[in-house]
N, C-alpha and C. Protein backbone atom coordinates (compact mmCIF):
# COMPACT_ATOMS: atom_id res chain seq x y z
N MET A 1 -23.81 50.78 84.05
CA MET A 1 -23.88 51.70 82.93
C MET A 1 -23.53 50.94 81.66
N PRO A 2 -24.34 51.07 80.59
CA PRO A 2 -24.06 50.36 79.35
C PRO A 2 -22.70 50.74 78.77
N LYS A 3 -22.08 49.79 78.08
CA LYS A 3 -20.78 50.05 77.45
C LYS A 3 -20.93 51.20 76.44
N GLY A 4 -20.00 52.13 76.48
CA GLY A 4 -20.03 53.26 75.57
C GLY A 4 -20.87 54.44 76.05
N LYS A 5 -21.44 54.33 77.25
CA LYS A 5 -22.23 55.44 77.79
C LYS A 5 -21.37 56.18 78.80
N TYR A 6 -21.30 57.49 78.66
CA TYR A 6 -20.49 58.33 79.53
C TYR A 6 -21.37 59.43 80.13
N VAL A 7 -21.08 59.79 81.36
CA VAL A 7 -21.77 60.90 82.00
C VAL A 7 -20.72 61.95 82.33
N ARG A 8 -20.97 63.18 81.92
CA ARG A 8 -20.04 64.28 82.18
C ARG A 8 -20.83 65.46 82.71
N ARG A 9 -20.22 66.22 83.60
CA ARG A 9 -20.84 67.45 84.11
C ARG A 9 -20.54 68.59 83.15
N ILE A 10 -21.47 69.52 83.08
CA ILE A 10 -21.29 70.74 82.29
C ILE A 10 -20.82 71.81 83.26
N ASP A 11 -19.69 72.49 82.92
CA ASP A 11 -19.18 73.50 83.84
C ASP A 11 -19.96 74.81 83.68
N ASN A 12 -19.58 75.82 84.47
CA ASN A 12 -20.33 77.08 84.47
C ASN A 12 -20.24 77.85 83.16
N LEU A 13 -19.32 77.46 82.27
CA LEU A 13 -19.23 78.09 80.94
C LEU A 13 -19.89 77.24 79.86
N GLY A 14 -20.53 76.14 80.27
CA GLY A 14 -21.22 75.27 79.31
C GLY A 14 -20.32 74.25 78.65
N ARG A 15 -19.12 74.06 79.17
CA ARG A 15 -18.17 73.13 78.56
C ARG A 15 -18.34 71.72 79.13
N ILE A 16 -18.01 70.75 78.29
CA ILE A 16 -17.95 69.36 78.75
C ILE A 16 -16.63 68.77 78.28
N CYS A 17 -16.20 67.74 78.97
CA CYS A 17 -14.99 67.02 78.57
C CYS A 17 -15.43 65.79 77.77
N VAL A 18 -14.99 65.71 76.52
CA VAL A 18 -15.33 64.57 75.68
C VAL A 18 -14.31 63.47 75.95
N PRO A 19 -14.77 62.28 76.34
CA PRO A 19 -13.83 61.20 76.66
C PRO A 19 -12.90 60.89 75.49
N ILE A 20 -11.66 60.53 75.82
CA ILE A 20 -10.64 60.26 74.80
C ILE A 20 -11.06 59.16 73.85
N SER A 21 -11.76 58.14 74.35
CA SER A 21 -12.18 57.04 73.47
C SER A 21 -13.13 57.54 72.38
N ILE A 22 -14.00 58.49 72.72
CA ILE A 22 -14.91 59.06 71.72
C ILE A 22 -14.13 59.94 70.75
N ARG A 23 -13.22 60.77 71.28
CA ARG A 23 -12.41 61.63 70.40
C ARG A 23 -11.59 60.80 69.43
N ARG A 24 -11.05 59.69 69.90
CA ARG A 24 -10.26 58.82 69.00
C ARG A 24 -11.15 58.24 67.91
N LYS A 25 -12.35 57.77 68.27
CA LYS A 25 -13.26 57.21 67.26
C LYS A 25 -13.65 58.26 66.22
N LEU A 26 -13.83 59.51 66.67
CA LEU A 26 -14.17 60.59 65.75
C LEU A 26 -12.95 61.13 65.00
N GLY A 27 -11.75 60.80 65.47
CA GLY A 27 -10.54 61.33 64.86
C GLY A 27 -10.30 62.78 65.23
N VAL A 28 -10.79 63.20 66.41
CA VAL A 28 -10.65 64.59 66.84
C VAL A 28 -9.75 64.62 68.07
N MET A 29 -8.65 65.33 67.98
CA MET A 29 -7.74 65.45 69.10
C MET A 29 -7.70 66.91 69.57
N GLU A 30 -6.82 67.21 70.49
CA GLU A 30 -6.70 68.57 71.04
C GLU A 30 -6.58 69.57 69.90
N GLY A 31 -7.35 70.63 69.98
CA GLY A 31 -7.35 71.65 68.93
C GLY A 31 -8.31 71.34 67.80
N GLY A 32 -8.84 70.12 67.76
CA GLY A 32 -9.80 69.76 66.73
C GLY A 32 -11.13 70.44 66.97
N ARG A 33 -12.04 70.27 66.05
CA ARG A 33 -13.33 70.93 66.14
C ARG A 33 -14.45 69.92 66.04
N LEU A 34 -15.48 70.15 66.83
CA LEU A 34 -16.71 69.38 66.75
C LEU A 34 -17.84 70.33 66.39
N GLU A 35 -18.78 69.85 65.60
CA GLU A 35 -19.98 70.64 65.37
C GLU A 35 -21.13 69.94 66.05
N PHE A 36 -22.06 70.71 66.58
CA PHE A 36 -23.19 70.20 67.34
C PHE A 36 -24.48 70.60 66.65
N PHE A 37 -25.45 69.71 66.67
CA PHE A 37 -26.78 70.04 66.19
C PHE A 37 -27.78 69.14 66.87
N LEU A 38 -29.04 69.56 66.84
CA LEU A 38 -30.11 68.78 67.45
C LEU A 38 -30.80 67.94 66.39
N GLU A 39 -31.11 66.72 66.77
CA GLU A 39 -31.90 65.82 65.92
C GLU A 39 -33.01 65.29 66.81
N GLY A 40 -34.18 65.93 66.73
CA GLY A 40 -35.25 65.62 67.66
C GLY A 40 -34.84 66.06 69.05
N ASP A 41 -34.81 65.12 70.00
CA ASP A 41 -34.39 65.46 71.36
C ASP A 41 -32.96 65.00 71.65
N LYS A 42 -32.18 64.71 70.59
CA LYS A 42 -30.81 64.25 70.76
C LYS A 42 -29.81 65.32 70.32
N LEU A 43 -28.75 65.46 71.09
CA LEU A 43 -27.65 66.35 70.72
C LEU A 43 -26.64 65.51 69.96
N ILE A 44 -26.36 65.90 68.73
CA ILE A 44 -25.42 65.17 67.88
C ILE A 44 -24.12 65.97 67.80
N ALA A 45 -23.01 65.29 67.97
CA ALA A 45 -21.69 65.91 67.82
C ALA A 45 -20.92 65.12 66.78
N ARG A 46 -20.27 65.81 65.87
CA ARG A 46 -19.44 65.13 64.87
C ARG A 46 -18.26 66.02 64.53
N GLU A 47 -17.26 65.39 63.94
CA GLU A 47 -16.09 66.15 63.54
C GLU A 47 -16.52 67.22 62.55
N CYS A 48 -16.02 68.41 62.76
CA CYS A 48 -16.36 69.54 61.91
C CYS A 48 -15.58 69.45 60.60
N THR A 49 -16.27 69.75 59.50
CA THR A 49 -15.61 69.80 58.21
C THR A 49 -14.55 70.89 58.24
N ALA A 50 -13.36 70.56 57.80
CA ALA A 50 -12.27 71.54 57.82
C ALA A 50 -12.62 72.73 56.93
N SER A 51 -12.53 73.93 57.50
CA SER A 51 -12.81 75.13 56.72
C SER A 51 -11.86 76.24 57.17
N CYS A 52 -11.66 77.19 56.29
CA CYS A 52 -10.78 78.33 56.53
C CYS A 52 -11.41 79.26 57.57
N ASP A 53 -10.63 79.71 58.55
CA ASP A 53 -11.13 80.63 59.57
C ASP A 53 -11.35 82.03 59.01
N CYS A 54 -10.82 82.32 57.83
CA CYS A 54 -10.96 83.65 57.23
C CYS A 54 -12.16 83.70 56.28
N CYS A 55 -12.19 82.84 55.27
CA CYS A 55 -13.28 82.88 54.28
C CYS A 55 -14.39 81.88 54.60
N HIS A 56 -14.14 80.97 55.53
CA HIS A 56 -15.11 79.96 55.99
C HIS A 56 -15.49 78.95 54.92
N GLU A 57 -14.70 78.87 53.85
CA GLU A 57 -14.94 77.88 52.80
C GLU A 57 -14.29 76.56 53.20
N PRO A 58 -14.93 75.43 52.88
CA PRO A 58 -14.29 74.13 53.14
C PRO A 58 -12.99 74.04 52.36
N ALA A 59 -11.96 73.50 52.98
CA ALA A 59 -10.65 73.38 52.32
C ALA A 59 -9.86 72.23 52.92
N GLU A 60 -9.05 71.60 52.09
CA GLU A 60 -8.19 70.53 52.57
C GLU A 60 -6.75 71.00 52.73
N ASP A 61 -6.43 72.17 52.18
CA ASP A 61 -5.06 72.69 52.19
C ASP A 61 -4.86 73.74 53.28
N LEU A 62 -5.37 73.48 54.47
CA LEU A 62 -5.30 74.46 55.55
C LEU A 62 -3.91 74.51 56.18
N CYS A 63 -3.51 75.73 56.57
CA CYS A 63 -2.22 75.96 57.21
C CYS A 63 -2.47 76.74 58.49
N ALA A 64 -1.84 76.32 59.59
CA ALA A 64 -2.00 77.00 60.88
C ALA A 64 -1.14 78.26 60.90
N VAL A 65 -1.78 79.40 61.16
CA VAL A 65 -1.09 80.69 61.24
C VAL A 65 -1.63 81.46 62.43
N GLY A 66 -0.81 81.66 63.44
CA GLY A 66 -1.21 82.44 64.60
C GLY A 66 -2.50 81.98 65.25
N GLY A 67 -2.70 80.69 65.36
CA GLY A 67 -3.90 80.16 65.98
C GLY A 67 -5.10 80.08 65.05
N MET A 68 -4.92 80.44 63.78
CA MET A 68 -5.99 80.36 62.79
C MET A 68 -5.63 79.30 61.76
N MET A 69 -6.64 78.72 61.14
CA MET A 69 -6.44 77.79 60.04
C MET A 69 -6.85 78.51 58.76
N LEU A 70 -5.88 78.69 57.84
CA LEU A 70 -6.13 79.45 56.62
C LEU A 70 -5.94 78.59 55.38
N CYS A 71 -6.80 78.81 54.36
CA CYS A 71 -6.64 78.12 53.08
C CYS A 71 -5.53 78.82 52.29
N SER A 72 -5.08 78.18 51.22
CA SER A 72 -3.96 78.74 50.45
C SER A 72 -4.30 80.10 49.84
N GLN A 73 -5.57 80.29 49.40
CA GLN A 73 -5.93 81.59 48.81
C GLN A 73 -5.87 82.71 49.84
N CYS A 74 -6.42 82.48 51.03
CA CYS A 74 -6.39 83.51 52.07
C CYS A 74 -4.97 83.76 52.57
N LEU A 75 -4.18 82.69 52.64
CA LEU A 75 -2.79 82.83 53.05
C LEU A 75 -2.02 83.70 52.06
N GLU A 76 -2.21 83.46 50.76
CA GLU A 76 -1.54 84.27 49.74
C GLU A 76 -2.00 85.73 49.79
N LYS A 77 -3.30 85.94 50.00
CA LYS A 77 -3.83 87.30 50.10
C LYS A 77 -3.21 88.00 51.31
N MET A 78 -3.11 87.28 52.42
CA MET A 78 -2.54 87.85 53.63
C MET A 78 -1.06 88.20 53.42
N LYS A 79 -0.33 87.32 52.74
CA LYS A 79 1.08 87.60 52.44
C LYS A 79 1.20 88.86 51.59
N GLY A 80 0.33 88.99 50.58
CA GLY A 80 0.35 90.18 49.73
C GLY A 80 0.04 91.44 50.52
N ASP A 81 -0.93 91.37 51.42
CA ASP A 81 -1.28 92.52 52.27
C ASP A 81 -0.12 92.91 53.15
N ILE A 82 0.58 91.92 53.70
CA ILE A 82 1.73 92.20 54.58
C ILE A 82 2.85 92.85 53.77
N GLU A 83 3.08 92.34 52.56
CA GLU A 83 4.13 92.95 51.71
C GLU A 83 3.80 94.39 51.36
N LYS A 84 2.51 94.67 51.08
CA LYS A 84 2.09 96.04 50.79
C LYS A 84 2.31 96.95 51.99
N MET A 85 1.98 96.44 53.17
CA MET A 85 2.14 97.23 54.40
C MET A 85 3.59 97.48 54.74
N SER A 86 4.48 96.55 54.37
CA SER A 86 5.89 96.72 54.69
C SER A 86 6.62 97.50 53.60
N GLY A 87 5.91 97.90 52.53
CA GLY A 87 6.49 98.74 51.50
C GLY A 87 7.31 97.99 50.47
N ARG A 88 7.07 96.74 50.27
CA ARG A 88 7.81 95.96 49.25
C ARG A 88 7.21 96.09 47.91
């Protein structure tokens, strides 16, 4: 098998395990995101541009909240909504 070529099985949910050496080269670790697209007959995977899970806008100031990645604007809006709900 040529160097850098990996074979992986696809499980019944369509998942594959990306080898650690590839994840390291892409800079993607556990919890990271990959985006997939087709280019002719090739499946391309690359690190996903960081974006807010709420507004879906690209952002560099993301903060992890309850399993979501939120930008500062959405985080502030959420804080304000929580304060309103708690009667402050």
